[in-house]
Amino acid sequence: MIAQKRLVQVTLDIECYDDLNVEDMDWKELLELEGDEKVYSKVKEYDPFF
């Protein structure tokens, strides 16, 4: 069987305390990706008063 790559998008809305530093998380390690598998992340801070 030949493994084929696919591209998926997952959206997470995280409500957390200030001590969770999502900007510096190693998402590749967290998701246990291997070899030439890749993850691209973008962190956006929501303004609750906007």
N, C-alpha and C. Protein backbone atom coordinates (compact mmCIF):
# COMPACT_ATOMS: atom_id res chain seq x y z
N MET A 1 0.84 -1.18 0.00
CA MET A 1 0.00 0.00 0.00
C MET A 1 0.89 1.24 0.00
N ILE A 2 0.58 2.19 -0.86
CA ILE A 2 1.34 3.42 -0.95
C ILE A 2 0.62 4.51 -0.18
N ALA A 3 1.33 5.11 0.78
CA ALA A 3 0.75 6.19 1.58
C ALA A 3 0.73 7.47 0.75
N GLN A 4 -0.36 8.19 0.82
CA GLN A 4 -0.47 9.45 0.12
C GLN A 4 -0.75 10.56 1.11
N LYS A 5 -0.17 11.73 0.85
CA LYS A 5 -0.40 12.87 1.73
C LYS A 5 -1.74 13.51 1.40
N ARG A 6 -2.28 14.20 2.38
CA ARG A 6 -3.47 15.00 2.18
C ARG A 6 -3.31 16.29 2.96
N LEU A 7 -4.03 17.31 2.58
CA LEU A 7 -3.97 18.60 3.25
C LEU A 7 -5.29 18.82 3.96
N VAL A 8 -5.25 19.04 5.27
CA VAL A 8 -6.46 19.27 6.06
C VAL A 8 -6.30 20.55 6.85
N GLN A 9 -7.41 21.20 7.15
CA GLN A 9 -7.39 22.40 7.96
C GLN A 9 -8.25 22.14 9.19
N VAL A 10 -7.68 22.44 10.36
CA VAL A 10 -8.37 22.27 11.63
C VAL A 10 -8.36 23.62 12.34
N THR A 11 -9.51 24.06 12.80
CA THR A 11 -9.61 25.33 13.52
C THR A 11 -9.85 25.04 15.00
N LEU A 12 -9.02 25.62 15.84
CA LEU A 12 -9.18 25.49 17.28
C LEU A 12 -9.47 26.86 17.87
N ASP A 13 -10.50 26.97 18.65
CA ASP A 13 -10.75 28.17 19.44
C ASP A 13 -10.42 27.81 20.88
N ILE A 14 -9.38 28.38 21.41
CA ILE A 14 -8.88 28.02 22.74
C ILE A 14 -9.14 29.16 23.70
N GLU A 15 -9.88 28.88 24.75
CA GLU A 15 -10.07 29.84 25.83
C GLU A 15 -9.16 29.39 26.96
N CYS A 16 -8.13 30.18 27.25
CA CYS A 16 -7.12 29.73 28.20
C CYS A 16 -6.59 30.91 29.01
N TYR A 17 -5.87 30.58 30.05
CA TYR A 17 -5.22 31.59 30.87
C TYR A 17 -3.95 32.10 30.17
N ASP A 18 -3.45 33.23 30.62
CA ASP A 18 -2.28 33.86 30.00
C ASP A 18 -1.02 33.00 30.02
N ASP A 19 -0.94 32.03 30.90
CA ASP A 19 0.29 31.24 31.00
C ASP A 19 0.43 30.17 29.92
N LEU A 20 -0.60 29.96 29.10
CA LEU A 20 -0.49 29.02 27.97
C LEU A 20 0.07 29.78 26.79
N ASN A 21 1.27 29.43 26.38
CA ASN A 21 1.98 30.15 25.33
C ASN A 21 1.83 29.41 24.00
N VAL A 22 0.69 29.58 23.35
CA VAL A 22 0.42 28.85 22.11
C VAL A 22 1.30 29.32 20.95
N GLU A 23 1.83 30.54 21.02
CA GLU A 23 2.69 31.04 19.96
C GLU A 23 3.99 30.24 19.85
N ASP A 24 4.46 29.69 20.95
CA ASP A 24 5.73 28.96 20.95
C ASP A 24 5.56 27.45 21.02
N MET A 25 4.37 26.95 20.86
CA MET A 25 4.15 25.49 20.90
C MET A 25 4.76 24.83 19.66
N ASP A 26 5.35 23.67 19.85
CA ASP A 26 5.89 22.90 18.74
C ASP A 26 4.77 21.99 18.22
N TRP A 27 3.99 22.51 17.29
CA TRP A 27 2.80 21.79 16.81
C TRP A 27 3.16 20.49 16.10
N LYS A 28 4.30 20.45 15.42
CA LYS A 28 4.72 19.22 14.75
C LYS A 28 4.95 18.11 15.77
N GLU A 29 5.61 18.44 16.86
CA GLU A 29 5.85 17.46 17.92
C GLU A 29 4.55 17.10 18.64
N LEU A 30 3.74 18.10 18.92
CA LEU A 30 2.47 17.87 19.62
C LEU A 30 1.55 16.94 18.83
N LEU A 31 1.55 17.11 17.50
CA LEU A 31 0.70 16.28 16.63
C LEU A 31 1.37 14.98 16.21
N GLU A 32 2.61 14.79 16.66
CA GLU A 32 3.39 13.59 16.36
C GLU A 32 3.55 13.37 14.86
N LEU A 33 3.85 14.46 14.13
CA LEU A 33 4.10 14.34 12.70
C LEU A 33 5.50 13.79 12.49
N GLU A 34 5.70 13.10 11.38
CA GLU A 34 6.97 12.45 11.13
C GLU A 34 7.51 12.82 9.76
N GLY A 35 8.81 12.66 9.58
CA GLY A 35 9.44 12.83 8.28
C GLY A 35 9.12 14.15 7.61
N ASP A 36 8.57 14.06 6.39
CA ASP A 36 8.29 15.27 5.64
C ASP A 36 6.86 15.77 5.83
N GLU A 37 6.17 15.29 6.87
CA GLU A 37 4.86 15.85 7.21
C GLU A 37 5.09 17.22 7.82
N LYS A 38 4.20 18.16 7.53
CA LYS A 38 4.39 19.54 7.99
C LYS A 38 3.12 20.08 8.59
N VAL A 39 3.28 21.09 9.43
CA VAL A 39 2.14 21.82 9.98
C VAL A 39 2.46 23.30 9.89
N TYR A 40 1.47 24.09 9.50
CA TYR A 40 1.59 25.54 9.45
C TYR A 40 0.58 26.10 10.43
N SER A 41 1.02 27.00 11.28
CA SER A 41 0.11 27.53 12.29
C SER A 41 0.07 29.05 12.24
N LYS A 42 -1.07 29.58 12.58
CA LYS A 42 -1.26 31.03 12.66
C LYS A 42 -2.06 31.27 13.94
N VAL A 43 -1.55 32.11 14.81
CA VAL A 43 -2.22 32.41 16.07
C VAL A 43 -2.77 33.82 15.99
N LYS A 44 -4.05 33.95 16.29
CA LYS A 44 -4.73 35.25 16.25
C LYS A 44 -5.37 35.49 17.60
N GLU A 45 -5.07 36.62 18.17
CA GLU A 45 -5.65 37.01 19.47
C GLU A 45 -6.99 37.71 19.20
N TYR A 46 -8.04 37.23 19.83
CA TYR A 46 -9.34 37.86 19.71
C TYR A 46 -9.49 38.99 20.71
N ASP A 47 -10.09 40.06 20.29
CA ASP A 47 -10.38 41.18 21.18
C ASP A 47 -11.82 41.05 21.66
N PRO A 48 -12.03 40.73 22.93
CA PRO A 48 -13.40 40.51 23.42
C PRO A 48 -14.24 41.78 23.41
N PHE A 49 -13.62 42.94 23.24
CA PHE A 49 -14.37 44.20 23.27
C PHE A 49 -14.60 44.76 21.88
N PHE A 50 -14.27 43.98 20.84
CA PHE A 50 -14.44 44.47 19.48
C PHE A 50 -15.66 43.88 18.86
